């Protein structure tokens, strides 16, 4: 208990690891679980059925685990599950799930959630994602691993963003984004590949060349976008290209952003 500030409010039932720290004037709700080495700084609200994984740090004035911003929500049991080693900065909001969306909002490991961003109900955020200042991720969105969303951007509900994609600042994303895609412009246009991110991760030159060729085929080949993806599946030997193809041909609640 020496790691909990005397002014913090810990409601009966909360489970706090002995190595976790809770700062001044923070509120920890009765169904919250704080894992080892979690740090909740001052003036934070963590409520709802919320689990916070090892080593995560939550900065002042964040509100984590409140009810969804969904008028259909009727108080049903739902959860927010946050993974390990996340950095959740000032004024971030993350909501629990809804019955209609599966009941769980899921955040992976090693993410950076910068000041003022919002993670809505039933969203699923992968590992190592960076959500920049004042980004709004709407309900039911899926962001796979290593996604970056630039500041002041919005992602429409039910949109999927594939692994390694990058969204430029001040962009509205209304349709699914292929893995490793580069999206920019106010209404969100698929403008190429995240080549900088691929190179930083040490992706082989042959795979980058294959991805470039695949992007051109998706942009300019014959037939529909899905027809081109099916042909790519038959022709490619690159695992990275197959990942894009599998993403395109999987179930989706939205259309796709297609290459210009």
Protein backbone atom coordinates (compact mmCIF):
# COMPACT_ATOMS: atom_id res chain seq x y z
CA UNK A 1 0.00 0.00 0.00
CA UNK A 2 2.98 2.32 0.30
CA UNK A 3 2.90 2.70 -3.50
CA UNK A 4 -0.63 4.18 -3.44
CA UNK A 5 -0.87 7.89 -2.68
CA UNK A 6 -3.04 8.64 0.39
CA UNK A 7 -5.35 10.88 -1.68
CA UNK A 8 -6.08 8.18 -4.29
CA UNK A 9 -9.51 6.51 -4.15
CA UNK A 10 -9.32 2.72 -4.42
CA UNK A 11 -12.81 1.25 -4.48
CA UNK A 12 -13.40 -2.08 -2.70
CA UNK A 13 -12.82 -5.02 -5.03
CA UNK A 14 -10.03 -3.50 -7.10
CA UNK A 15 -7.04 -5.81 -7.58
CA UNK A 16 -3.74 -3.98 -7.52
CA UNK A 17 -0.41 -5.79 -7.80
CA UNK A 18 1.97 -4.94 -4.91
CA UNK A 19 4.42 -3.44 -7.42
CA UNK A 20 1.85 -1.16 -9.08
CA UNK A 21 1.78 2.57 -8.28
CA UNK A 22 -1.21 4.91 -8.06
CA UNK A 23 -0.69 8.66 -7.91
CA UNK A 24 -2.47 11.49 -6.15
CA UNK A 25 -6.21 12.01 -6.65
CA UNK A 26 -6.61 9.04 -9.00
CA UNK A 27 -9.69 6.80 -8.90
CA UNK A 28 -9.48 3.03 -9.33
CA UNK A 29 -12.86 1.32 -9.76
CA UNK A 30 -14.05 -1.85 -8.02
CA UNK A 31 -13.58 -4.20 -11.01
CA UNK A 32 -10.19 -2.91 -12.13
CA UNK A 33 -7.09 -5.13 -12.25
CA UNK A 34 -3.68 -3.43 -12.32
CA UNK A 35 -0.81 -5.78 -13.16
CA UNK A 36 2.84 -5.74 -12.03
CA UNK A 37 4.73 -2.46 -12.39
CA UNK A 38 1.72 -0.57 -13.71
CA UNK A 39 1.95 3.13 -12.97
CA UNK A 40 -1.17 5.26 -12.76
CA UNK A 41 -0.06 8.87 -12.37
CA UNK A 42 -2.09 11.61 -10.68
CA UNK A 43 -5.68 12.59 -11.59
CA UNK A 44 -6.45 9.43 -13.60
CA UNK A 45 -9.75 7.53 -13.70
CA UNK A 46 -9.57 3.78 -14.30
CA UNK A 47 -12.98 2.19 -14.02
CA UNK A 48 -15.23 -0.53 -15.47
CA UNK A 49 -14.11 -4.13 -15.93
CA UNK A 50 -10.64 -3.01 -16.97
CA UNK A 51 -7.39 -4.99 -16.95
CA UNK A 52 -4.10 -3.14 -17.32
CA UNK A 53 -1.06 -5.20 -18.25
CA UNK A 54 2.42 -5.24 -16.77
CA UNK A 55 4.54 -2.13 -17.10
CA UNK A 56 1.87 0.09 -18.62
CA UNK A 57 1.97 3.77 -17.62
CA UNK A 58 -1.16 5.96 -17.62
CA UNK A 59 -0.59 9.72 -17.51
CA UNK A 60 -2.68 12.44 -15.83
CA UNK A 61 -6.30 13.13 -16.79
CA UNK A 62 -6.73 9.94 -18.82
CA UNK A 63 -10.12 8.22 -18.44
CA UNK A 64 -9.80 4.49 -18.97
CA UNK A 65 -12.64 1.94 -18.98
CA UNK A 66 -15.68 4.20 -18.94
CA UNK A 67 -18.92 3.14 -20.64
CA UNK A 68 -19.12 3.31 -24.46
CA UNK A 69 -20.27 6.38 -26.34
CA UNK A 70 -23.03 4.27 -27.89
CA UNK A 71 -26.72 5.03 -27.34
CA UNK A 72 -27.52 1.31 -27.69
CA UNK A 73 -25.49 0.51 -24.57
CA UNK A 74 -27.76 -0.55 -21.71
CA UNK A 75 -25.26 -1.30 -19.00
CA UNK A 76 -24.42 -4.84 -20.09
CA UNK A 77 -21.21 -6.38 -18.77
CA UNK A 78 -18.24 -5.56 -21.01
CA UNK A 79 -14.48 -5.19 -20.71
CA UNK A 80 -11.40 -3.23 -21.62
CA UNK A 81 -8.22 -5.32 -21.78
CA UNK A 82 -4.93 -3.43 -22.10
CA UNK A 83 -1.68 -5.29 -22.71
CA UNK A 84 1.86 -4.79 -21.47
CA UNK A 85 4.22 -1.80 -21.56
CA UNK A 86 1.82 0.69 -23.13
CA UNK A 87 2.26 4.44 -22.73
CA UNK A 88 -1.14 6.10 -22.39
CA UNK A 89 -0.63 9.85 -22.34
CA UNK A 90 -2.62 12.80 -20.99
CA UNK A 91 -6.38 13.04 -21.67
CA UNK A 92 -6.58 9.71 -23.52
CA UNK A 93 -9.96 7.98 -23.36
CA UNK A 94 -10.50 4.23 -23.84
CA UNK A 95 -13.99 2.73 -23.54
CA UNK A 96 -15.23 -0.75 -22.68
CA UNK A 97 -17.00 -2.87 -25.28
CA UNK A 98 -20.67 -3.45 -26.07
CA UNK A 99 -22.77 -6.56 -26.30
CA UNK A 100 -23.30 -6.04 -30.02
CA UNK A 101 -19.57 -5.75 -30.67
CA UNK A 102 -18.41 -8.77 -28.69
CA UNK A 103 -18.13 -7.08 -25.31
CA UNK A 104 -14.37 -6.41 -25.30
CA UNK A 105 -12.17 -3.51 -26.32
CA UNK A 106 -8.65 -4.92 -26.77
CA UNK A 107 -5.31 -3.08 -26.73
CA UNK A 108 -2.10 -5.00 -27.44
CA UNK A 109 1.44 -4.56 -26.10
CA UNK A 110 4.04 -1.79 -26.43
CA UNK A 111 1.71 0.86 -27.85
CA UNK A 112 2.01 4.63 -27.60
CA UNK A 113 -1.27 6.49 -27.24
CA UNK A 114 -0.48 10.18 -27.39
CA UNK A 115 -2.34 13.05 -25.76
CA UNK A 116 -6.06 13.35 -26.34
CA UNK A 117 -6.60 10.30 -28.53
CA UNK A 118 -9.72 8.14 -28.23
CA UNK A 119 -10.15 4.36 -28.50
CA UNK A 120 -13.84 3.56 -28.83
CA UNK A 121 -15.87 0.50 -27.84
CA UNK A 122 -15.04 -2.91 -29.30
CA UNK A 123 -11.93 -1.66 -31.10
CA UNK A 124 -9.00 -4.07 -31.38
CA UNK A 125 -5.56 -2.49 -31.39
CA UNK A 126 -2.50 -4.62 -32.14
CA UNK A 127 1.04 -4.52 -30.77
CA UNK A 128 3.44 -1.59 -31.20
CA UNK A 129 0.81 0.77 -32.60
CA UNK A 130 1.33 4.53 -32.36
CA UNK A 131 -1.81 6.64 -32.11
CA UNK A 132 -0.79 10.28 -32.31
CA UNK A 133 -2.33 13.34 -30.62
CA UNK A 134 -6.11 13.83 -30.93
CA UNK A 135 -6.75 10.78 -33.13
CA UNK A 136 -10.23 9.24 -32.91
CA UNK A 137 -10.50 5.48 -33.44
CA UNK A 138 -14.20 4.67 -33.78
CA UNK A 139 -16.08 1.63 -32.56
CA UNK A 140 -15.38 -1.87 -33.92
CA UNK A 141 -12.17 -0.81 -35.72
CA UNK A 142 -9.28 -3.25 -36.09
CA UNK A 143 -5.70 -1.97 -36.21
CA UNK A 144 -3.18 -4.73 -36.77
CA UNK A 145 0.40 -4.66 -35.43
CA UNK A 146 2.79 -1.76 -36.14
CA UNK A 147 0.17 0.70 -37.41
CA UNK A 148 0.82 4.45 -37.09
CA UNK A 149 -2.06 6.94 -37.20
CA UNK A 150 -1.01 10.58 -37.60
CA UNK A 151 -2.30 13.43 -35.49
CA UNK A 152 -5.85 14.80 -35.76
CA UNK A 153 -6.96 11.85 -37.91
CA UNK A 154 -10.21 9.92 -37.65
CA UNK A 155 -10.91 6.27 -38.42
CA UNK A 156 -14.50 5.36 -39.28
CA UNK A 157 -16.28 2.59 -37.39
CA UNK A 158 -15.70 -0.99 -38.60
CA UNK A 159 -12.59 0.00 -40.60
CA UNK A 160 -9.63 -2.41 -40.63
CA UNK A 161 -6.07 -1.15 -40.99
CA UNK A 162 -3.55 -3.81 -41.96
CA UNK A 163 -0.20 -4.48 -40.34
CA UNK A 164 2.51 -1.90 -40.87
CA UNK A 165 0.25 0.71 -42.50
CA UNK A 166 0.70 4.41 -41.85
CA UNK A 167 -1.98 7.10 -41.87
CA UNK A 168 -0.88 10.68 -42.46
CA UNK A 169 -1.94 13.55 -40.22
CA UNK A 170 -5.36 15.20 -40.58
CA UNK A 171 -6.80 12.27 -42.55
CA UNK A 172 -10.27 10.73 -42.46
CA UNK A 173 -10.10 6.98 -43.06
CA UNK A 174 -13.48 5.64 -44.21
CA UNK A 175 -12.49 2.28 -45.75
CA UNK A 176 -10.11 -0.61 -45.07
CA UNK A 177 -6.37 -0.05 -45.57
CA UNK A 178 -4.16 -2.82 -46.93
CA UNK A 179 -1.13 -3.97 -44.90
CA UNK A 180 1.89 -1.66 -45.38
CA UNK A 181 -0.31 0.94 -47.08
CA UNK A 182 0.37 4.69 -46.98
CA UNK A 183 -2.79 6.78 -46.62
CA UNK A 184 -2.96 10.55 -46.72
CA UNK A 185 -5.12 13.50 -47.88
CA UNK A 186 -8.14 14.88 -46.03
CA UNK A 187 -10.52 12.16 -47.27
CA UNK A 188 -7.99 9.36 -47.01
CA UNK A 189 -6.45 8.15 -50.27
CA UNK A 190 -4.20 5.09 -50.63
CA UNK A 191 -1.12 6.82 -51.97
CA UNK A 192 1.52 4.10 -51.94
CA UNK A 193 3.35 1.86 -49.49
CA UNK A 194 4.93 2.60 -46.12
CA UNK A 195 8.40 2.11 -47.54
CA UNK A 196 10.13 3.95 -44.71
CA UNK A 197 8.54 1.62 -42.16
CA UNK A 198 9.43 -1.47 -44.18
CA UNK A 199 13.07 -0.42 -44.44
CA UNK A 200 13.27 0.42 -40.74
CA UNK A 201 12.07 -3.09 -39.93
CA UNK A 202 14.78 -4.58 -42.13
CA UNK A 203 12.47 -6.09 -44.75
CA UNK A 204 14.54 -7.60 -47.55
CA UNK A 205 14.97 -5.63 -50.76
CA UNK A 206 13.40 -8.49 -52.76
CA UNK A 207 10.26 -8.35 -50.65
CA UNK A 208 10.03 -4.55 -50.99
CA UNK A 209 10.39 -4.92 -54.78
CA UNK A 210 7.64 -7.57 -54.76
CA UNK A 211 5.39 -5.28 -52.70
CA UNK A 212 5.93 -2.41 -55.13
CA UNK A 213 5.04 -4.63 -58.08
CA UNK A 214 1.97 -5.93 -56.22
CA UNK A 215 0.82 -2.39 -55.50
CA UNK A 216 1.09 -1.48 -59.17
CA UNK A 217 -0.91 -4.55 -60.14
CA UNK A 218 -3.61 -3.69 -57.62
CA UNK A 219 -3.68 -0.14 -58.99
CA UNK A 220 -3.61 -0.77 -62.72
CA UNK A 221 -4.35 -4.43 -63.47
CA UNK A 222 -7.42 -5.70 -65.27
CA UNK A 223 -10.67 -6.56 -63.51
CA UNK A 224 -11.94 -5.50 -60.11
CA UNK A 225 -9.77 -4.86 -57.08
CA UNK A 226 -10.64 -8.33 -55.74
CA UNK A 227 -9.92 -9.94 -59.14
CA UNK A 228 -6.44 -8.41 -59.10
CA UNK A 229 -5.86 -9.65 -55.55
CA UNK A 230 -6.84 -13.20 -56.55
CA UNK A 231 -4.37 -13.13 -59.46
CA UNK A 232 -1.66 -11.89 -57.11
CA UNK A 233 -2.29 -14.85 -54.82
CA UNK A 234 -1.59 -17.21 -57.72
CA UNK A 235 1.50 -15.40 -58.95
CA UNK A 236 3.44 -14.22 -55.90
CA UNK A 237 6.10 -15.99 -53.86
CA UNK A 238 6.40 -13.19 -51.27
CA UNK A 239 4.90 -13.72 -47.82
CA UNK A 240 4.41 -9.96 -47.53
CA UNK A 241 2.36 -9.83 -50.72
CA UNK A 242 0.35 -12.85 -49.59
CA UNK A 243 -0.43 -10.98 -46.38
CA UNK A 244 -1.96 -8.14 -48.42
CA UNK A 245 -3.90 -10.62 -50.56
CA UNK A 246 -5.27 -12.47 -47.53
CA UNK A 247 -6.31 -9.15 -45.97
CA UNK A 248 -8.14 -8.04 -49.13
CA UNK A 249 -9.93 -11.35 -49.59
CA UNK A 250 -10.99 -11.73 -45.95
CA UNK A 251 -14.35 -10.60 -44.57
CA UNK A 252 -14.88 -6.87 -44.25
CA UNK A 253 -17.68 -4.55 -43.14
CA UNK A 254 -16.31 -1.71 -45.27
CA UNK A 255 -15.00 -1.23 -48.80
CA UNK A 256 -11.27 -0.75 -49.44
CA UNK A 257 -9.20 2.29 -50.10
CA UNK A 258 -7.81 1.42 -53.53
CA UNK A 259 -4.60 2.70 -55.16
CA UNK A 260 -4.87 5.94 -57.09
